[in-house]
C-alpha atoms as a PDB file:
ATOM      1  CA  MET A   1      -8.993   7.149 -16.771  1.00  0.00           C
ATOM      2  CA  THR A   2     -10.508   3.935 -18.066  1.00  0.00           C
ATOM      3  CA  ASP A   3     -12.606   2.482 -15.242  1.00  0.00           C
ATOM      4  CA  ASP A   4     -15.782   4.520 -14.884  1.00  0.00           C
ATOM      5  CA  LEU A   5     -16.149   3.885 -11.162  1.00  0.00           C
ATOM      6  CA  ALA A   6     -17.366   6.318  -8.541  1.00  0.00           C
ATOM      7  CA  LEU A   7     -14.688   5.872  -5.889  1.00  0.00           C
ATOM      8  CA  HIS A   8     -15.833   6.190  -2.306  1.00  0.00           C
ATOM      9  CA  PRO A   9     -14.482   5.169   1.094  1.00  0.00           C
ATOM     10  CA  ARG A  10     -16.145   2.120   2.638  1.00  0.00           C
ATOM     11  CA  ASP A  11     -16.787   1.836   6.345  1.00  0.00           C
ATOM     12  CA  VAL A  12     -15.213  -1.312   7.753  1.00  0.00           C
ATOM     13  CA  ARG A  13     -15.117  -2.922  11.169  1.00  0.00           C
ATOM     14  CA  PHE A  14     -12.414  -5.376  12.210  1.00  0.00           C
ATOM     15  CA  ASP A  15     -12.508  -7.380  15.444  1.00  0.00           C
ATOM     16  CA  TRP A  16      -8.903  -8.098  16.361  1.00  0.00           C
ATOM     17  CA  SER A  17      -9.648  -9.877  19.652  1.00  0.00           C
ATOM     18  CA  ASP A  18      -9.098 -13.421  18.345  1.00  0.00           C
ATOM     19  CA  VAL A  19      -6.238 -12.727  15.913  1.00  0.00           C
ATOM     20  CA  PRO A  20      -3.152 -14.687  17.062  1.00  0.00           C
ATOM     21  CA  LEU A  21       0.416 -13.409  17.039  1.00  0.00           C
ATOM     22  CA  HIS A  22       1.335 -15.685  14.123  1.00  0.00           C
ATOM     23  CA  TRP A  23      -1.838 -15.324  12.089  1.00  0.00           C
ATOM     24  CA  VAL A  24      -0.355 -17.377   9.240  1.00  0.00           C
ATOM     25  CA  PRO A  25      -0.198 -20.667  11.156  1.00  0.00           C
ATOM     26  CA  GLY A  26       3.306 -21.990  11.708  1.00  0.00           C
ATOM     27  CA  ASP A  27       4.873 -19.271   9.558  1.00  0.00           C
ATOM     28  CA  PRO A  28       6.182 -16.271  11.525  1.00  0.00           C
ATOM     29  CA  LEU A  29       8.180 -15.010   8.532  1.00  0.00           C
ATOM     30  CA  THR A  30       5.132 -14.734   6.274  1.00  0.00           C
ATOM     31  CA  THR A  31       3.128 -13.285   9.169  1.00  0.00           C
ATOM     32  CA  HIS A  32       5.652 -10.517   9.779  1.00  0.00           C
ATOM     33  CA  ALA A  33       6.450  -9.905   6.122  1.00  0.00           C
ATOM     34  CA  LEU A  34       2.763  -9.066   5.689  1.00  0.00           C
ATOM     35  CA  ASN A  35       2.632  -7.242   9.041  1.00  0.00           C
ATOM     36  CA  THR A  36       5.061  -4.733   7.545  1.00  0.00           C
ATOM     37  CA  LEU A  37       1.987  -3.172   5.937  1.00  0.00           C
ATOM     38  CA  HIS A  38       0.726  -2.111   9.373  1.00  0.00           C
ATOM     39  CA  LEU A  39       4.005  -0.335  10.131  1.00  0.00           C
ATOM     40  CA  VAL A  40       4.848   1.237   6.779  1.00  0.00           C
ATOM     41  CA  LEU A  41       1.522   2.043   5.145  1.00  0.00           C
ATOM     42  CA  PRO A  42      -0.498   4.208   7.581  1.00  0.00           C
ATOM     43  CA  GLU A  43       1.950   7.098   7.674  1.00  0.00           C
ATOM     44  CA  GLY A  44       2.486   6.838   3.933  1.00  0.00           C
ATOM     45  CA  GLU A  45      -1.242   6.889   3.282  1.00  0.00           C
ATOM     46  CA  ARG A  46      -1.717   9.964   5.449  1.00  0.00           C
ATOM     47  CA  TRP A  47       1.047  11.566   3.406  1.00  0.00           C
ATOM     48  CA  PHE A  48      -0.791  10.627   0.190  1.00  0.00           C
ATOM     49  CA  VAL A  49      -3.878  12.399   1.539  1.00  0.00           C
ATOM     50  CA  GLN A  50      -1.872  15.524   2.398  1.00  0.00           C
ATOM     51  CA  VAL A  51      -0.138  15.733  -0.989  1.00  0.00           C
ATOM     52  CA  PHE A  52      -3.315  15.050  -2.955  1.00  0.00           C
ATOM     53  CA  GLY A  53      -5.064  17.741  -0.940  1.00  0.00           C
ATOM     54  CA  GLN A  54      -2.401  20.211  -2.082  1.00  0.00           C
ATOM     55  CA  ALA A  55      -2.915  19.101  -5.686  1.00  0.00           C
ATOM     56  CA  LEU A  56      -6.701  19.574  -5.662  1.00  0.00           C
ATOM     57  CA  PRO A  57      -6.648  23.335  -6.521  1.00  0.00           C
ATOM     58  CA  HIS A  58      -4.594  22.572  -9.661  1.00  0.00           C
ATOM     59  CA  ILE A  59      -6.970  19.964 -11.138  1.00  0.00           C
ATOM     60  CA  ARG A  60      -8.845  21.205 -14.205  1.00  0.00           C
ATOM     61  CA  ASP A  61     -10.745  17.993 -15.013  1.00  0.00           C
ATOM     62  CA  PRO A  62     -13.943  17.629 -12.912  1.00  0.00           C
ATOM     63  CA  ARG A  63     -14.009  13.834 -13.324  1.00  0.00           C
ATOM     64  CA  LEU A  64     -10.398  13.501 -12.190  1.00  0.00           C
ATOM     65  CA  ARG A  65     -11.110  15.776  -9.224  1.00  0.00           C
ATOM     66  CA  GLU A  66     -13.967  13.470  -8.219  1.00  0.00           C
ATOM     67  CA  GLN A  67     -11.666  10.449  -8.470  1.00  0.00           C
ATOM     68  CA  VAL A  68      -8.979  12.163  -6.406  1.00  0.00           C
ATOM     69  CA  LEU A  69     -11.500  12.950  -3.667  1.00  0.00           C
ATOM     70  CA  GLY A  70     -12.577   9.304  -3.647  1.00  0.00           C
ATOM     71  CA  PHE A  71      -8.940   8.219  -3.483  1.00  0.00           C
ATOM     72  CA  ILE A  72      -8.327  10.539  -0.516  1.00  0.00           C
ATOM     73  CA  GLY A  73     -11.262   9.035   1.361  1.00  0.00           C
ATOM     74  CA  GLN A  74     -10.163   5.470   0.702  1.00  0.00           C
ATOM     75  CA  GLU A  75      -6.545   6.093   1.710  1.00  0.00           C
ATOM     76  CA  ALA A  76      -7.613   7.734   4.966  1.00  0.00           C
ATOM     77  CA  MET A  77      -9.699   4.662   5.787  1.00  0.00           C
ATOM     78  CA  HIS A  78      -6.785   2.350   4.949  1.00  0.00           C
ATOM     79  CA  ALA A  79      -4.528   4.201   7.381  1.00  0.00           C
ATOM     80  CA  LYS A  80      -7.135   3.900  10.136  1.00  0.00           C
ATOM     81  CA  ALA A  81      -7.612   0.169   9.556  1.00  0.00           C
ATOM     82  CA  HIS A  82      -3.890  -0.612   9.613  1.00  0.00           C
ATOM     83  CA  ASP A  83      -3.482   1.527  12.721  1.00  0.00           C
ATOM     84  CA  GLY A  84      -5.952  -0.851  14.380  1.00  0.00           C
ATOM     85  CA  ALA A  85      -3.884  -3.850  13.336  1.00  0.00           C
ATOM     86  CA  ALA A  86      -0.706  -2.157  14.613  1.00  0.00           C
ATOM     87  CA  ALA A  87      -2.394  -1.526  17.968  1.00  0.00           C
ATOM     88  CA  HIS A  88      -3.264  -5.231  18.116  1.00  0.00           C
ATOM     89  CA  LEU A  89       0.408  -6.079  17.526  1.00  0.00           C
ATOM     90  CA  ALA A  90       1.280  -3.875  20.489  1.00  0.00           C
ATOM     91  CA  ALA A  91      -1.257  -5.726  22.632  1.00  0.00           C
ATOM     92  CA  LEU A  92       0.424  -9.001  21.628  1.00  0.00           C
ATOM     93  CA  GLY A  93       3.837  -7.740  22.746  1.00  0.00           C
ATOM     94  CA  ILE A  94       5.302  -6.074  19.633  1.00  0.00           C
ATOM     95  CA  ASP A  95       5.155  -2.318  20.142  1.00  0.00           C
ATOM     96  CA  PRO A  96       5.580  -0.834  16.649  1.00  0.00           C
ATOM     97  CA  ALA A  97       6.149   2.740  17.885  1.00  0.00           C
ATOM     98  CA  PRO A  98       9.986   2.783  17.562  1.00  0.00           C
ATOM     99  CA  PHE A  99       9.873   1.599  13.960  1.00  0.00           C
ATOM    100  CA  VAL A 100       6.882   3.752  13.059  1.00  0.00           C
ATOM    101  CA  ALA A 101       8.796   6.807  14.313  1.00  0.00           C
ATOM    102  CA  GLN A 102      11.337   6.193  11.549  1.00  0.00           C
ATOM    103  CA  ILE A 103       8.573   5.958   8.949  1.00  0.00           C
ATOM    104  CA  GLU A 104       7.135   9.211  10.265  1.00  0.00           C
ATOM    105  CA  TRP A 105      10.513  10.900   9.708  1.00  0.00           C
ATOM    106  CA  LEU A 106      10.597   9.595   6.138  1.00  0.00           C
ATOM    107  CA  PHE A 107       7.220  11.019   5.177  1.00  0.00           C
ATOM    108  CA  ARG A 108       6.961  14.068   7.432  1.00  0.00           C
ATOM    109  CA  THR A 109      10.539  15.357   7.147  1.00  0.00           C
ATOM    110  CA  LEU A 110      12.311  13.894   4.121  1.00  0.00           C
ATOM    111  CA  LEU A 111       9.185  13.970   1.929  1.00  0.00           C
ATOM    112  CA  GLY A 112       7.346  16.706   3.793  1.00  0.00           C
ATOM    113  CA  ASP A 113       6.557  20.237   2.655  1.00  0.00           C
ATOM    114  CA  ARG A 114       9.440  22.511   1.642  1.00  0.00           C
ATOM    115  CA  GLN A 115       9.879  26.237   1.841  1.00  0.00           C
ATOM    116  CA  GLY A 116      10.691  28.388  -1.167  1.00  0.00           C
ATOM    117  CA  SER A 117       9.084  30.267  -4.009  1.00  0.00           C
ATOM    118  CA  ALA A 118       5.735  29.225  -5.470  1.00  0.00           C
ATOM    119  CA  ALA A 119       7.578  27.665  -8.411  1.00  0.00           C
ATOM    120  CA  VAL A 120       9.847  25.642  -6.126  1.00  0.00           C
ATOM    121  CA  ARG A 121       6.900  24.417  -4.061  1.00  0.00           C
ATOM    122  CA  HIS A 122       4.985  23.454  -7.209  1.00  0.00           C
ATOM    123  CA  GLN A 123       7.897  21.419  -8.566  1.00  0.00           C
ATOM    124  CA  TRP A 124       8.192  19.659  -5.204  1.00  0.00           C
ATOM    125  CA  LEU A 125       4.474  18.878  -5.395  1.00  0.00           C
ATOM    126  CA  LEU A 126       4.957  17.338  -8.857  1.00  0.00           C
ATOM    127  CA  GLU A 127       7.946  15.356  -7.602  1.00  0.00           C
ATOM    128  CA  ARG A 128       5.914  13.909  -4.752  1.00  0.00           C
ATOM    129  CA  LEU A 129       3.002  13.110  -7.060  1.00  0.00           C
ATOM    130  CA  SER A 130       5.399  11.104  -9.210  1.00  0.00           C
ATOM    131  CA  VAL A 131       6.524   9.225  -6.079  1.00  0.00           C
ATOM    132  CA  ILE A 132       2.916   8.410  -5.186  1.00  0.00           C
ATOM    133  CA  ALA A 133       2.195   7.222  -8.724  1.00  0.00           C
ATOM    134  CA  ALA A 134       5.165   4.836  -8.525  1.00  0.00           C
ATOM    135  CA  ILE A 135       4.130   3.533  -5.099  1.00  0.00           C
ATOM    136  CA  GLU A 136       0.536   3.068  -6.233  1.00  0.00           C
ATOM    137  CA  HIS A 137       1.775   0.931  -9.114  1.00  0.00           C
ATOM    138  CA  PHE A 138       3.187  -1.511  -6.569  1.00  0.00           C
ATOM    139  CA  THR A 139       0.168  -1.360  -4.267  1.00  0.00           C
ATOM    140  CA  ALA A 140      -2.024  -2.318  -7.239  1.00  0.00           C
ATOM    141  CA  VAL A 141       0.295  -5.202  -8.111  1.00  0.00           C
ATOM    142  CA  LEU A 142       0.295  -6.395  -4.492  1.00  0.00           C
ATOM    143  CA  GLY A 143      -3.446  -5.844  -4.221  1.00  0.00           C
ATOM    144  CA  GLN A 144      -4.081  -8.153  -7.155  1.00  0.00           C
ATOM    145  CA  TRP A 145      -1.594 -10.651  -5.740  1.00  0.00           C
ATOM    146  CA  VAL A 146      -3.382 -10.914  -2.382  1.00  0.00           C
ATOM    147  CA  LEU A 147      -6.768 -11.287  -4.083  1.00  0.00           C
ATOM    148  CA  ASP A 148      -5.322 -14.243  -5.998  1.00  0.00           C
ATOM    149  CA  ALA A 149      -3.279 -15.738  -3.110  1.00  0.00           C
ATOM    150  CA  ASP A 150      -5.210 -18.965  -2.477  1.00  0.00           C
ATOM    151  CA  ALA A 151      -2.282 -20.242  -0.386  1.00  0.00           C
ATOM    152  CA  LEU A 152      -3.269 -17.764   2.355  1.00  0.00           C
ATOM    153  CA  GLU A 153      -6.721 -19.334   2.821  1.00  0.00           C
ATOM    154  CA  GLY A 154      -5.647 -20.978   6.081  1.00  0.00           C
ATOM    155  CA  ALA A 155      -4.608 -17.659   7.609  1.00  0.00           C
ATOM    156  CA  ASP A 156      -6.637 -15.816  10.226  1.00  0.00           C
ATOM    157  CA  PRO A 157      -9.805 -14.639   8.433  1.00  0.00           C
ATOM    158  CA  THR A 158      -9.862 -11.165   9.993  1.00  0.00           C
ATOM    159  CA  MET A 159      -6.325 -10.312   8.952  1.00  0.00           C
ATOM    160  CA  LEU A 160      -6.818 -11.858   5.535  1.00  0.00           C
ATOM    161  CA  ASP A 161      -9.957  -9.773   5.057  1.00  0.00           C
ATOM    162  CA  LEU A 162      -8.025  -6.608   5.954  1.00  0.00           C
ATOM    163  CA  LEU A 163      -5.390  -7.401   3.341  1.00  0.00           C
ATOM    164  CA  ARG A 164      -7.912  -8.310   0.643  1.00  0.00           C
ATOM    165  CA  TRP A 165     -10.248  -5.378   1.356  1.00  0.00           C
ATOM    166  CA  HIS A 166      -7.277  -3.014   1.161  1.00  0.00           C
ATOM    167  CA  GLY A 167      -5.839  -4.778  -1.866  1.00  0.00           C
ATOM    168  CA  ALA A 168      -9.168  -4.655  -3.686  1.00  0.00           C
ATOM    169  CA  GLU A 169      -9.457  -0.899  -3.173  1.00  0.00           C
ATOM    170  CA  GLU A 170      -5.881  -0.489  -4.419  1.00  0.00           C
ATOM    171  CA  VAL A 171      -6.873  -2.287  -7.590  1.00  0.00           C
ATOM    172  CA  GLU A 172     -10.068  -0.245  -7.823  1.00  0.00           C
ATOM    173  CA  HIS A 173      -8.297   3.132  -7.623  1.00  0.00           C
ATOM    174  CA  ARG A 174      -5.033   2.076  -9.275  1.00  0.00           C
ATOM    175  CA  SER A 175      -5.201   4.679 -12.059  1.00  0.00           C
ATOM    176  CA  VAL A 176      -5.877   7.784  -9.974  1.00  0.00           C
ATOM    177  CA  ALA A 177      -2.356   8.706  -8.860  1.00  0.00           C
ATOM    178  CA  TYR A 178      -0.927   8.100 -12.331  1.00  0.00           C
ATOM    179  CA  ASP A 179      -3.703  10.082 -14.021  1.00  0.00           C
ATOM    180  CA  LEU A 180      -3.199  12.958 -11.602  1.00  0.00           C
ATOM    181  CA  TYR A 181       0.547  13.010 -12.267  1.00  0.00           C
ATOM    182  CA  MET A 182      -0.020  12.933 -16.017  1.00  0.00           C
ATOM    183  CA  HIS A 183      -2.628  15.691 -15.738  1.00  0.00           C
ATOM    184  CA  LEU A 184      -0.339  18.069 -13.825  1.00  0.00           C
ATOM    185  CA  ASP A 185       3.062  17.121 -15.250  1.00  0.00           C
ATOM    186  CA  GLY A 186       3.463  13.885 -17.196  1.00  0.00           C
ATOM    187  CA  ARG A 187       7.192  14.056 -17.912  1.00  0.00           C
ATOM    188  CA  ARG A 188       8.350  10.524 -18.639  1.00  0.00           C
ATOM    189  CA  PHE A 189      11.916  11.138 -17.477  1.00  0.00           C
ATOM    190  CA  ARG A 190      10.673  12.139 -14.025  1.00  0.00           C
ATOM    191  CA  ARG A 191       8.363   9.131 -13.936  1.00  0.00           C
ATOM    192  CA  ILE A 192      11.218   6.728 -14.788  1.00  0.00           C
ATOM    193  CA  ARG A 193      13.694   8.419 -12.453  1.00  0.00           C
ATOM    194  CA  THR A 194      11.231   8.204  -9.609  1.00  0.00           C
ATOM    195  CA  MET A 195      10.569   4.510 -10.147  1.00  0.00           C
ATOM    196  CA  VAL A 196      14.304   3.787 -10.197  1.00  0.00           C
ATOM    197  CA  VAL A 197      14.478   5.279  -6.689  1.00  0.00           C
ATOM    198  CA  VAL A 198      11.126   4.104  -5.305  1.00  0.00           C
ATOM    199  CA  ALA A 199      11.433   0.393  -6.166  1.00  0.00           C
ATOM    200  CA  PRO A 200      14.642  -0.313  -4.181  1.00  0.00           C
ATOM    201  CA  VAL A 201      13.553   1.934  -1.308  1.00  0.00           C
ATOM    202  CA  LEU A 202      10.268   0.036  -0.962  1.00  0.00           C
ATOM    203  CA  ALA A 203      12.120  -3.290  -1.052  1.00  0.00           C
ATOM    204  CA  TRP A 204      14.547  -2.047   1.616  1.00  0.00           C
ATOM    205  CA  LEU A 205      11.703  -0.797   3.822  1.00  0.00           C
ATOM    206  CA  PHE A 206       9.838  -4.094   3.717  1.00  0.00           C
ATOM    207  CA  VAL A 207      12.963  -6.182   4.356  1.00  0.00           C
ATOM    208  CA  ARG A 208      13.982  -3.901   7.224  1.00  0.00           C
ATOM    209  CA  SER A 209      10.489  -3.948   8.701  1.00  0.00           C
ATOM    210  CA  THR A 210      10.284  -7.746   8.510  1.00  0.00           C
ATOM    211  CA  ARG A 211      13.643  -8.082  10.247  1.00  0.00           C
ATOM    212  CA  TRP A 212      12.556  -5.637  12.957  1.00  0.00           C
ATOM    213  CA  LEU A 213       9.295  -7.495  13.592  1.00  0.00           C
ATOM    214  CA  MET A 214      11.042 -10.860  13.777  1.00  0.00           C
ATOM    215  CA  ALA A 215      13.630  -9.455  16.190  1.00  0.00           C
ATOM    216  CA  ASN A 216      10.917  -8.009  18.438  1.00  0.00           C
ATOM    217  CA  ASP A 217       8.562 -11.003  18.326  1.00  0.00           C
ATOM    218  CA  PRO A 218       8.200 -12.196  21.949  1.00  0.00           C
ATOM    219  CA  SER A 219       8.110 -15.832  20.777  1.00  0.00           C
ATOM    220  CA  ARG A 220      11.668 -15.398  19.441  1.00  0.00           C
ATOM    221  CA  PRO A 221      11.228 -17.125  16.063  1.00  0.00           C
ATOM    222  CA  GLY A 222      14.786 -16.258  14.989  1.00  0.00           C
ATOM    223  CA  ALA A 223      16.220 -14.057  12.292  1.00  0.00           C
ATOM    224  CA  PRO A 224      14.535 -14.111   8.875  1.00  0.00           C
ATOM    225  CA  ARG A 225      16.389 -16.047   6.198  1.00  0.00           C
ATOM    226  CA  TRP A 226      16.213 -15.602   2.446  1.00  0.00           C
ATOM    227  CA  ARG A 227      15.654 -19.316   1.920  1.00  0.00           C
ATOM    228  CA  ASP A 228      12.584 -19.123   4.185  1.00  0.00           C
ATOM    229  CA  TYR A 229      11.245 -16.247   2.104  1.00  0.00           C
ATOM    230  CA  LEU A 230      11.851 -18.165  -1.124  1.00  0.00           C
ATOM    231  CA  ARG A 231      10.121 -21.225   0.330  1.00  0.00           C
ATOM    232  CA  ALA A 232       7.085 -19.147   1.335  1.00  0.00           C
ATOM    233  CA  ALA A 233       7.052 -17.429  -2.074  1.00  0.00           C
ATOM    234  CA  ARG A 234       7.183 -20.745  -3.933  1.00  0.00           C
ATOM    235  CA  ALA A 235       4.249 -21.906  -1.801  1.00  0.00           C
ATOM    236  CA  GLY A 236       2.311 -18.789  -2.787  1.00  0.00           C
ATOM    237  CA  ARG A 237       2.185 -17.234   0.676  1.00  0.00           C
ATOM    238  CA  LEU A 238       4.360 -14.264  -0.382  1.00  0.00           C
ATOM    239  CA  PRO A 239       4.928 -12.624  -3.770  1.00  0.00           C
ATOM    240  CA  ARG A 240       7.719 -14.207  -5.802  1.00  0.00           C
ATOM    241  CA  PRO A 241      10.640 -12.116  -7.114  1.00  0.00           C
ATOM    242  CA  GLY A 242       9.434 -13.093 -10.585  1.00  0.00           C
ATOM    243  CA  GLN A 243       6.156 -11.311  -9.838  1.00  0.00           C
ATOM    244  CA  LEU A 244       7.683  -8.163  -8.363  1.00  0.00           C
ATOM    245  CA  LEU A 245      10.714  -7.414 -10.531  1.00  0.00           C
ATOM    246  CA  PRO A 246       8.841  -7.416 -13.878  1.00  0.00           C
ATOM    247  CA  ALA A 247       6.379  -4.951 -12.348  1.00  0.00           C
ATOM    248  CA  VAL A 248       9.172  -2.356 -12.334  1.00  0.00           C
ATOM    249  CA  TRP A 249       9.756  -2.749 -16.072  1.00  0.00           C
ATOM    250  CA  ARG A 250       6.059  -2.671 -16.918  1.00  0.00           C
ATOM    251  CA  TYR A 251       5.891   0.846 -15.465  1.00  0.00           C
ATOM    252  CA  LEU A 252       8.610   2.276 -17.684  1.00  0.00           C
ATOM    253  CA  PRO A 253       7.348   2.198 -21.324  1.00  0.00           C
ATOM    254  CA  ARG A 254       5.766   5.266 -22.858  1.00  0.00           C
ATOM    255  CA  GLY A 255       2.474   3.425 -23.366  1.00  0.00           C
ATOM    256  CA  TYR A 256       2.097   2.285 -19.762  1.00  0.00           C
ATOM    257  CA  HIS A 257      -1.184   2.860 -17.946  1.00  0.00           C
ATOM    258  CA  PRO A 258      -2.286   1.348 -14.601  1.00  0.00           C
ATOM    259  CA  SER A 259      -5.456  -0.004 -16.216  1.00  0.00           C
ATOM    260  CA  GLN A 260      -3.151  -2.692 -17.624  1.00  0.00           C
ATOM    261  CA  GLU A 261      -2.716  -4.048 -14.072  1.00  0.00           C
ATOM    262  CA  GLY A 262      -5.285  -5.921 -12.036  1.00  0.00           C
ATOM    263  CA  ASP A 263      -8.873  -7.055 -12.413  1.00  0.00           C
ATOM    264  CA  THR A 264     -11.434  -4.391 -11.521  1.00  0.00           C
ATOM    265  CA  ALA A 265     -14.402  -6.776 -11.592  1.00  0.00           C
ATOM    266  CA  GLN A 266     -12.680  -9.163  -9.181  1.00  0.00           C
ATOM    267  CA  ALA A 267     -11.791  -6.297  -6.849  1.00  0.00           C
ATOM    268  CA  VAL A 268     -15.304  -4.851  -6.794  1.00  0.00           C
ATOM    269  CA  ALA A 269     -16.778  -8.312  -6.216  1.00  0.00           C
ATOM    270  CA  TYR A 270     -14.557  -8.805  -3.184  1.00  0.00           C
ATOM    271  CA  LEU A 271     -15.444  -5.390  -1.799  1.00  0.00           C
ATOM    272  CA  ALA A 272     -19.126  -6.321  -2.009  1.00  0.00           C
ATOM    273  CA  ALA A 273     -18.461  -9.518  -0.035  1.00  0.00           C
ATOM    274  CA  SER A 274     -15.845  -8.320   2.500  1.00  0.00           C
ATOM    275  CA  PRO A 275     -16.873  -9.392   6.041  1.00  0.00           C
ATOM    276  CA  ALA A 276     -15.439  -6.179   7.510  1.00  0.00           C
ATOM    277  CA  ALA A 277     -17.485  -4.029   5.124  1.00  0.00           C
ATOM    278  CA  LYS A 278     -20.629  -6.027   5.915  1.00  0.00           C
ATOM    279  CA  ALA A 279     -19.959  -5.719   9.662  1.00  0.00           C
ATOM    280  CA  ALA A 280     -19.992  -1.922   9.369  1.00  0.00           C
ATOM    281  CA  LEU A 281     -23.440  -1.787   7.750  1.00  0.00           C
END
């Protein structure tokens, strides 16, 4: 652990009433590519909370335990906030429930608790902690990206604040999942193997979610096309492949640590200025 921050959940309040269907003006693809977060993340974040709760009794470092508790509180708040955005999508005519049911199966069944001996259950806990560490690497990368994404300045301010508030907290707590995995296991082979699986699965989930949202958009914007994604990425409205693919390789070396990603000072400064955080005071 390198950032000596006391992690804590922040109350936020978002008013979705004026957020339009295509909150990135004239760009339904970018809108729905970013809307994937509302479909994929809440169930995953609740799963993070569950798995970290099971890890708490095994933590021997008081400082790490404090950080894990802060992480749990922040992730629970993220899930709640994105649930609100998903409910707003439903009010606009895109009911996310059918897709979310598939995400629930992924985290509750495929990655859920398993029966067996204490040793088997402990190894499954370590396996899932390695998955969370890999996912959190990408959420930190994406969190820094959205903080830097000046091209999104014309987007709806409420939705942009949600993304930047969430992204800033991902940068703030980016080391916790990795430090917890290293504290309880730390095997590099498992860490690499997990990333090799997690990276393509995350890419598949976000592509599939974007396609589903576009297909269920009542304005019928048409099927997403790769050239439209590349155009939006070149304009800075979505992450470029050249920003995402190297992030996989940065995770693999023996000397990797999440502190090498992101700008803590920038993240904390945004969290102090977030309109949604101020509205909750």
